[in-house]
């Protein structure tokens, strides 16, 4: 098997060759003189050649040492350039983020301009999918997932708590006023996601007895339920994270203070080895700050 010297041995050789002194090389490398001498001696033994002559307490490069030195310099320079490349790539370059279509449409995309303007060195690529991608086997850097946060193999941070409550458009409220009690909603068009379970749970929490889910159109995406409410088609049970921007803009109005805790929440996840990469931590910090601002404004 081909012998490959250690980086420490090559650095000890290069520093000693530059100063022709183990003592000066030790000061440069911030190690002991004995450590430098040991590294160089080990390198000579493994290579089977003498790299230095010890003459009157000074070092002289042998012919083999003089010939070897340019290759060592080139190798260390290439490694340093590689390290610089990786460091630059961690701070900038492409950042690919996987999110659900609901989160992309109602939360992320409308506000991305702020992050892009303040981080022009990062090229964002957003991948919208209903599937949880394998971050270890794909080119996805990080993800925002909806679930219970139980991904033990990943670095996980909750983005925000969520509540579920009824919302409608200002025009719908004007056309169907007065809506004064939770029971009033039973006579109105109600919008459903595909589970159709949230409305009976909310009515029970509000003290309204319902034996079956109230009738109304059903949508297979939560974002479609919210958009239908914005268009005045009925009352929706909205998750606070996805409805926050529309509530703050006045496109939706919250009805009543009764809310349900959402069974799931949004979490920011990435491989544990990548959690401290600057471009990932910067995007994560921005997501958390945006979510915190939303919750403060809508009172969650």
Protein backbone atom coordinates (compact mmCIF):
# COMPACT_ATOMS: atom_id res chain seq x y z
CA UNK A 1 0.00 0.00 0.00
CA UNK A 2 1.34 3.42 -0.98
CA UNK A 3 2.58 5.53 1.94
CA UNK A 4 0.90 8.90 2.39
CA UNK A 5 2.55 11.18 4.98
CA UNK A 6 0.49 12.88 7.64
CA UNK A 7 -0.29 16.56 7.26
CA UNK A 8 1.53 17.32 10.51
CA UNK A 9 4.68 15.62 9.23
CA UNK A 10 4.59 17.57 5.96
CA UNK A 11 4.00 20.86 7.77
CA UNK A 12 6.90 20.11 10.13
CA UNK A 13 9.16 19.35 7.17
CA UNK A 14 8.15 22.49 5.26
CA UNK A 15 8.55 24.80 8.27
CA UNK A 16 11.95 23.26 9.10
CA UNK A 17 13.11 23.56 5.49
CA UNK A 18 12.07 27.21 5.40
CA UNK A 19 13.92 28.19 8.57
CA UNK A 20 16.55 25.42 8.65
CA UNK A 21 15.79 25.12 12.36
CA UNK A 22 13.59 22.77 14.34
CA UNK A 23 13.34 25.40 17.07
CA UNK A 24 12.05 28.11 14.71
CA UNK A 25 9.73 25.62 13.04
CA UNK A 26 8.31 24.71 16.45
CA UNK A 27 7.59 28.37 17.20
CA UNK A 28 5.86 28.77 13.84
CA UNK A 29 3.71 25.70 14.34
CA UNK A 30 3.10 26.37 18.05
CA UNK A 31 4.42 22.97 19.13
CA UNK A 32 7.57 21.80 20.92
CA UNK A 33 10.94 21.45 19.25
CA UNK A 34 10.88 17.78 20.12
CA UNK A 35 7.55 17.30 18.35
CA UNK A 36 8.93 18.83 15.13
CA UNK A 37 12.07 16.71 15.30
CA UNK A 38 9.98 13.60 15.91
CA UNK A 39 7.67 14.33 12.96
CA UNK A 40 10.59 14.90 10.58
CA UNK A 41 12.44 11.80 11.80
CA UNK A 42 9.29 9.70 11.33
CA UNK A 43 8.86 11.10 7.81
CA UNK A 44 12.45 10.25 6.92
CA UNK A 45 12.07 6.73 8.28
CA UNK A 46 8.88 6.09 6.31
CA UNK A 47 10.33 7.54 3.09
CA UNK A 48 13.64 5.75 3.58
CA UNK A 49 15.72 8.85 2.80
CA UNK A 50 17.45 11.63 4.71
CA UNK A 51 15.80 14.99 4.21
CA UNK A 52 18.17 16.99 6.43
CA UNK A 53 21.79 16.90 7.46
CA UNK A 54 22.61 18.03 10.99
CA UNK A 55 25.78 20.11 10.66
CA UNK A 56 27.15 22.11 13.62
CA UNK A 57 23.73 22.34 15.30
CA UNK A 58 22.18 23.63 12.08
CA UNK A 59 20.08 21.92 9.46
CA UNK A 60 20.89 21.54 5.80
CA UNK A 61 18.59 20.10 3.19
CA UNK A 62 19.90 17.04 1.42
CA UNK A 63 19.50 16.72 -2.33
CA UNK A 64 16.49 14.49 -1.71
CA UNK A 65 15.08 17.09 0.67
CA UNK A 66 15.54 19.89 -1.87
CA UNK A 67 13.80 17.84 -4.54
CA UNK A 68 10.97 16.82 -2.22
CA UNK A 69 10.23 20.32 -0.89
CA UNK A 70 8.41 21.77 -3.98
CA UNK A 71 6.01 18.82 -4.03
CA UNK A 72 5.24 19.26 -0.33
CA UNK A 73 4.63 22.99 -0.83
CA UNK A 74 2.29 22.30 -3.74
CA UNK A 75 0.39 19.64 -1.81
CA UNK A 76 -0.11 21.87 1.24
CA UNK A 77 -1.10 24.82 -0.97
CA UNK A 78 -3.72 22.65 -2.71
CA UNK A 79 -5.12 21.49 0.61
CA UNK A 80 -5.29 25.07 1.87
CA UNK A 81 -7.10 26.10 -1.32
CA UNK A 82 -9.51 23.20 -0.84
CA UNK A 83 -10.22 24.27 2.73
CA UNK A 84 -10.84 27.83 1.57
CA UNK A 85 -13.23 26.56 -1.09
CA UNK A 86 -15.21 24.55 1.45
CA UNK A 87 -15.34 27.47 3.87
CA UNK A 88 -16.62 29.76 1.12
CA UNK A 89 -19.16 27.16 0.01
CA UNK A 90 -20.46 26.86 3.58
CA UNK A 91 -21.08 30.60 3.76
CA UNK A 92 -22.49 31.07 0.27
CA UNK A 93 -23.47 29.16 -2.84
CA UNK A 94 -26.55 27.07 -3.42
CA UNK A 95 -28.93 26.29 -0.55
CA UNK A 96 -31.63 23.76 -1.44
CA UNK A 97 -34.61 23.62 0.90
CA UNK A 98 -37.43 21.06 0.84
CA UNK A 99 -40.88 22.20 2.02
CA UNK A 100 -44.47 21.10 1.58
CA UNK A 101 -46.57 22.77 -1.14
CA UNK A 102 -48.86 24.23 1.56
CA UNK A 103 -45.95 25.80 3.45
CA UNK A 104 -44.33 27.05 0.26
CA UNK A 105 -47.50 28.71 -1.03
CA UNK A 106 -48.94 30.24 2.13
CA UNK A 107 -45.85 30.92 4.26
CA UNK A 108 -42.47 30.81 2.57
CA UNK A 109 -42.67 32.14 -0.98
CA UNK A 110 -44.49 35.45 -0.24
CA UNK A 111 -41.73 36.57 2.13
CA UNK A 112 -38.58 35.17 0.48
CA UNK A 113 -37.71 38.54 -1.04
CA UNK A 114 -36.52 39.82 2.34
CA UNK A 115 -34.05 36.96 2.80
CA UNK A 116 -32.78 37.19 -0.79
CA UNK A 117 -32.20 40.93 -0.44
CA UNK A 118 -30.15 40.56 2.75
CA UNK A 119 -28.24 37.41 1.69
CA UNK A 120 -27.37 37.86 -2.00
CA UNK A 121 -24.44 35.46 -1.63
CA UNK A 122 -26.84 32.53 -1.08
CA UNK A 123 -28.63 31.06 -4.10
CA UNK A 124 -31.89 29.61 -2.81
CA UNK A 125 -33.54 26.62 -4.44
CA UNK A 126 -36.96 25.68 -3.07
CA UNK A 127 -38.22 22.14 -3.64
CA UNK A 128 -41.93 21.64 -2.86
CA UNK A 129 -42.94 18.05 -2.13
CA UNK A 130 -45.42 16.20 0.03
CA UNK A 131 -42.79 13.52 0.68
CA UNK A 132 -40.11 13.70 3.38
CA UNK A 133 -36.88 13.51 1.38
CA UNK A 134 -33.89 11.54 2.66
CA UNK A 135 -31.48 14.35 3.51
CA UNK A 136 -28.57 11.92 3.77
CA UNK A 137 -29.03 10.62 0.22
CA UNK A 138 -30.13 13.68 -1.73
CA UNK A 139 -28.82 17.10 -2.68
CA UNK A 140 -31.33 18.76 -0.30
CA UNK A 141 -29.52 20.77 2.39
CA UNK A 142 -32.38 21.28 4.84
CA UNK A 143 -36.15 21.00 5.11
CA UNK A 144 -39.20 22.38 6.87
CA UNK A 145 -41.37 19.42 7.87
CA UNK A 146 -44.84 19.14 9.35
CA UNK A 147 -45.02 16.52 12.06
CA UNK A 148 -44.20 15.77 15.68
CA UNK A 149 -40.48 16.48 15.55
CA UNK A 150 -39.43 12.88 16.13
CA UNK A 151 -36.63 12.65 13.56
CA UNK A 152 -33.86 11.38 15.82
CA UNK A 153 -31.25 11.17 13.07
CA UNK A 154 -31.54 14.89 12.25
CA UNK A 155 -30.95 18.25 13.88
CA UNK A 156 -34.51 19.39 14.70
CA UNK A 157 -35.85 22.79 15.81
CA UNK A 158 -39.51 23.69 16.09
CA UNK A 159 -40.40 26.63 13.90
CA UNK A 160 -43.56 27.70 15.74
CA UNK A 161 -46.51 26.42 17.76
CA UNK A 162 -49.80 26.20 15.88
CA UNK A 163 -53.43 26.72 16.75
CA UNK A 164 -56.55 26.01 14.73
CA UNK A 165 -59.45 28.49 14.67
CA UNK A 166 -62.24 29.68 12.31
CA UNK A 167 -61.58 32.44 9.78
CA UNK A 168 -63.48 34.10 6.97
CA UNK A 169 -63.08 37.03 4.60
CA UNK A 170 -64.29 40.52 5.53
CA UNK A 171 -66.81 40.36 2.67
CA UNK A 172 -68.19 37.03 3.87
CA UNK A 173 -68.59 38.41 7.39
CA UNK A 174 -70.40 41.46 6.04
CA UNK A 175 -72.79 39.31 3.96
CA UNK A 176 -73.59 36.91 6.81
CA UNK A 177 -73.68 39.20 9.85
CA UNK A 178 -74.39 38.91 12.61
CA UNK A 179 -72.09 36.01 13.56
CA UNK A 180 -72.16 36.34 17.32
CA UNK A 181 -72.02 32.81 18.75
CA UNK A 182 -70.13 29.67 17.67
CA UNK A 183 -73.48 27.99 17.00
CA UNK A 184 -74.16 30.57 14.28
CA UNK A 185 -71.50 28.85 12.16
CA UNK A 186 -73.63 25.70 11.82
CA UNK A 187 -75.94 27.57 9.44
CA UNK A 188 -73.10 28.83 7.22
CA UNK A 189 -71.02 27.25 4.42
CA UNK A 190 -68.06 25.57 6.07
CA UNK A 191 -64.85 24.64 4.26
CA UNK A 192 -63.12 21.33 4.95
CA UNK A 193 -59.77 19.70 4.40
CA UNK A 194 -59.73 16.04 3.39
CA UNK A 195 -59.88 14.70 6.97
CA UNK A 196 -63.17 16.53 7.79
CA UNK A 197 -62.37 15.99 11.49
CA UNK A 198 -61.38 19.47 12.67
CA UNK A 199 -64.83 21.08 12.60
CA UNK A 200 -66.52 18.56 14.97
CA UNK A 201 -63.55 18.91 17.36
CA UNK A 202 -63.72 22.70 17.26
CA UNK A 203 -67.50 22.76 17.78
CA UNK A 204 -67.09 20.47 20.79
CA UNK A 205 -64.42 22.79 22.25
CA UNK A 206 -66.79 25.74 21.67
CA UNK A 207 -69.65 23.96 23.45
CA UNK A 208 -71.67 23.26 20.30
CA UNK A 209 -72.99 19.70 20.00
CA UNK A 210 -72.71 18.29 16.49
CA UNK A 211 -73.32 14.67 15.60
CA UNK A 212 -71.61 14.75 12.21
CA UNK A 213 -69.25 17.03 10.23
CA UNK A 214 -71.22 20.01 8.86
CA UNK A 215 -71.65 19.93 5.06
CA UNK A 216 -69.46 21.96 2.77
CA UNK A 217 -66.81 21.67 0.02
CA UNK A 218 -63.72 19.58 0.72
CA UNK A 219 -60.17 20.33 -0.48
CA UNK A 220 -57.13 18.07 -0.43
CA UNK A 221 -54.68 20.90 0.34
CA UNK A 222 -54.86 23.18 3.38
CA UNK A 223 -53.72 26.14 1.28
CA UNK A 224 -56.79 25.67 -0.94
CA UNK A 225 -59.08 25.80 2.10
CA UNK A 226 -57.54 29.12 3.15
CA UNK A 227 -57.72 30.53 -0.39
CA UNK A 228 -61.39 29.53 -0.66
CA UNK A 229 -62.06 31.42 2.59
CA UNK A 230 -60.24 34.49 1.24
CA UNK A 231 -62.53 34.36 -1.82
CA UNK A 232 -65.59 34.44 0.45
CA UNK A 233 -66.71 30.87 -0.22
CA UNK A 234 -67.20 29.97 3.43
CA UNK A 235 -65.66 29.72 6.88
CA UNK A 236 -62.43 27.75 7.21
CA UNK A 237 -60.65 26.24 10.17
CA UNK A 238 -57.19 27.63 9.59
CA UNK A 239 -53.84 26.66 11.04
CA UNK A 240 -52.27 29.77 12.50
CA UNK A 241 -48.91 29.42 10.68
CA UNK A 242 -50.44 29.13 7.22
CA UNK A 243 -53.08 31.82 7.80
CA UNK A 244 -50.83 34.34 9.57
CA UNK A 245 -49.91 36.43 6.55
CA UNK A 246 -53.51 36.67 5.36
CA UNK A 247 -54.69 37.60 8.85
CA UNK A 248 -52.07 40.35 9.14
CA UNK A 249 -52.98 41.68 5.67
CA UNK A 250 -56.69 41.76 6.52
CA UNK A 251 -57.66 39.22 3.88
CA UNK A 252 -58.96 36.98 6.67
CA UNK A 253 -60.66 37.71 9.98
CA UNK A 254 -60.54 35.40 12.98
CA UNK A 255 -63.93 34.42 14.40
CA UNK A 256 -64.10 33.80 18.17
CA UNK A 257 -61.28 33.16 20.63
CA UNK A 258 -61.83 29.41 20.84
CA UNK A 259 -58.92 27.52 19.30
CA UNK A 260 -57.56 24.00 19.15
CA UNK A 261 -53.90 23.11 19.56
CA UNK A 262 -52.71 21.67 16.26
CA UNK A 263 -51.61 18.02 16.59
CA UNK A 264 -48.55 18.72 14.46
CA UNK A 265 -46.17 21.65 14.03
CA UNK A 266 -43.56 22.84 11.55
CA UNK A 267 -39.95 21.91 12.25
CA UNK A 268 -36.68 22.96 10.65
CA UNK A 269 -34.50 19.91 10.05
CA UNK A 270 -31.06 19.25 8.58
CA UNK A 271 -28.30 16.66 8.95
CA UNK A 272 -26.60 16.99 12.33
CA UNK A 273 -23.21 17.40 10.64
CA UNK A 274 -24.50 20.42 8.70
CA UNK A 275 -26.37 22.22 11.48
CA UNK A 276 -23.65 24.84 12.04
CA UNK A 277 -22.94 25.62 8.38
CA UNK A 278 -23.32 29.41 8.03
CA UNK A 279 -25.75 29.34 5.10
CA UNK A 280 -27.99 26.84 6.92
CA UNK A 281 -27.87 28.64 10.27
CA UNK A 282 -28.58 31.99 8.57
CA UNK A 283 -31.66 30.64 6.82
CA UNK A 284 -32.82 28.86 9.99
CA UNK A 285 -32.42 32.05 12.05
CA UNK A 286 -34.41 34.00 9.46
CA UNK A 287 -37.22 31.43 9.48
CA UNK A 288 -37.41 31.54 13.28
CA UNK A 289 -37.46 35.34 13.34
CA UNK A 290 -40.25 35.48 10.75
CA UNK A 291 -42.34 32.94 12.67
CA UNK A 292 -41.81 34.79 15.95
CA UNK A 293 -42.98 38.03 14.34
CA UNK A 294 -46.10 36.34 12.97
CA UNK A 295 -47.08 34.90 16.33
CA UNK A 296 -46.59 38.23 18.09
CA UNK A 297 -48.81 40.02 15.57
CA UNK A 298 -51.66 37.50 15.54
CA UNK A 299 -51.47 36.78 19.28
CA UNK A 300 -50.41 33.14 19.34
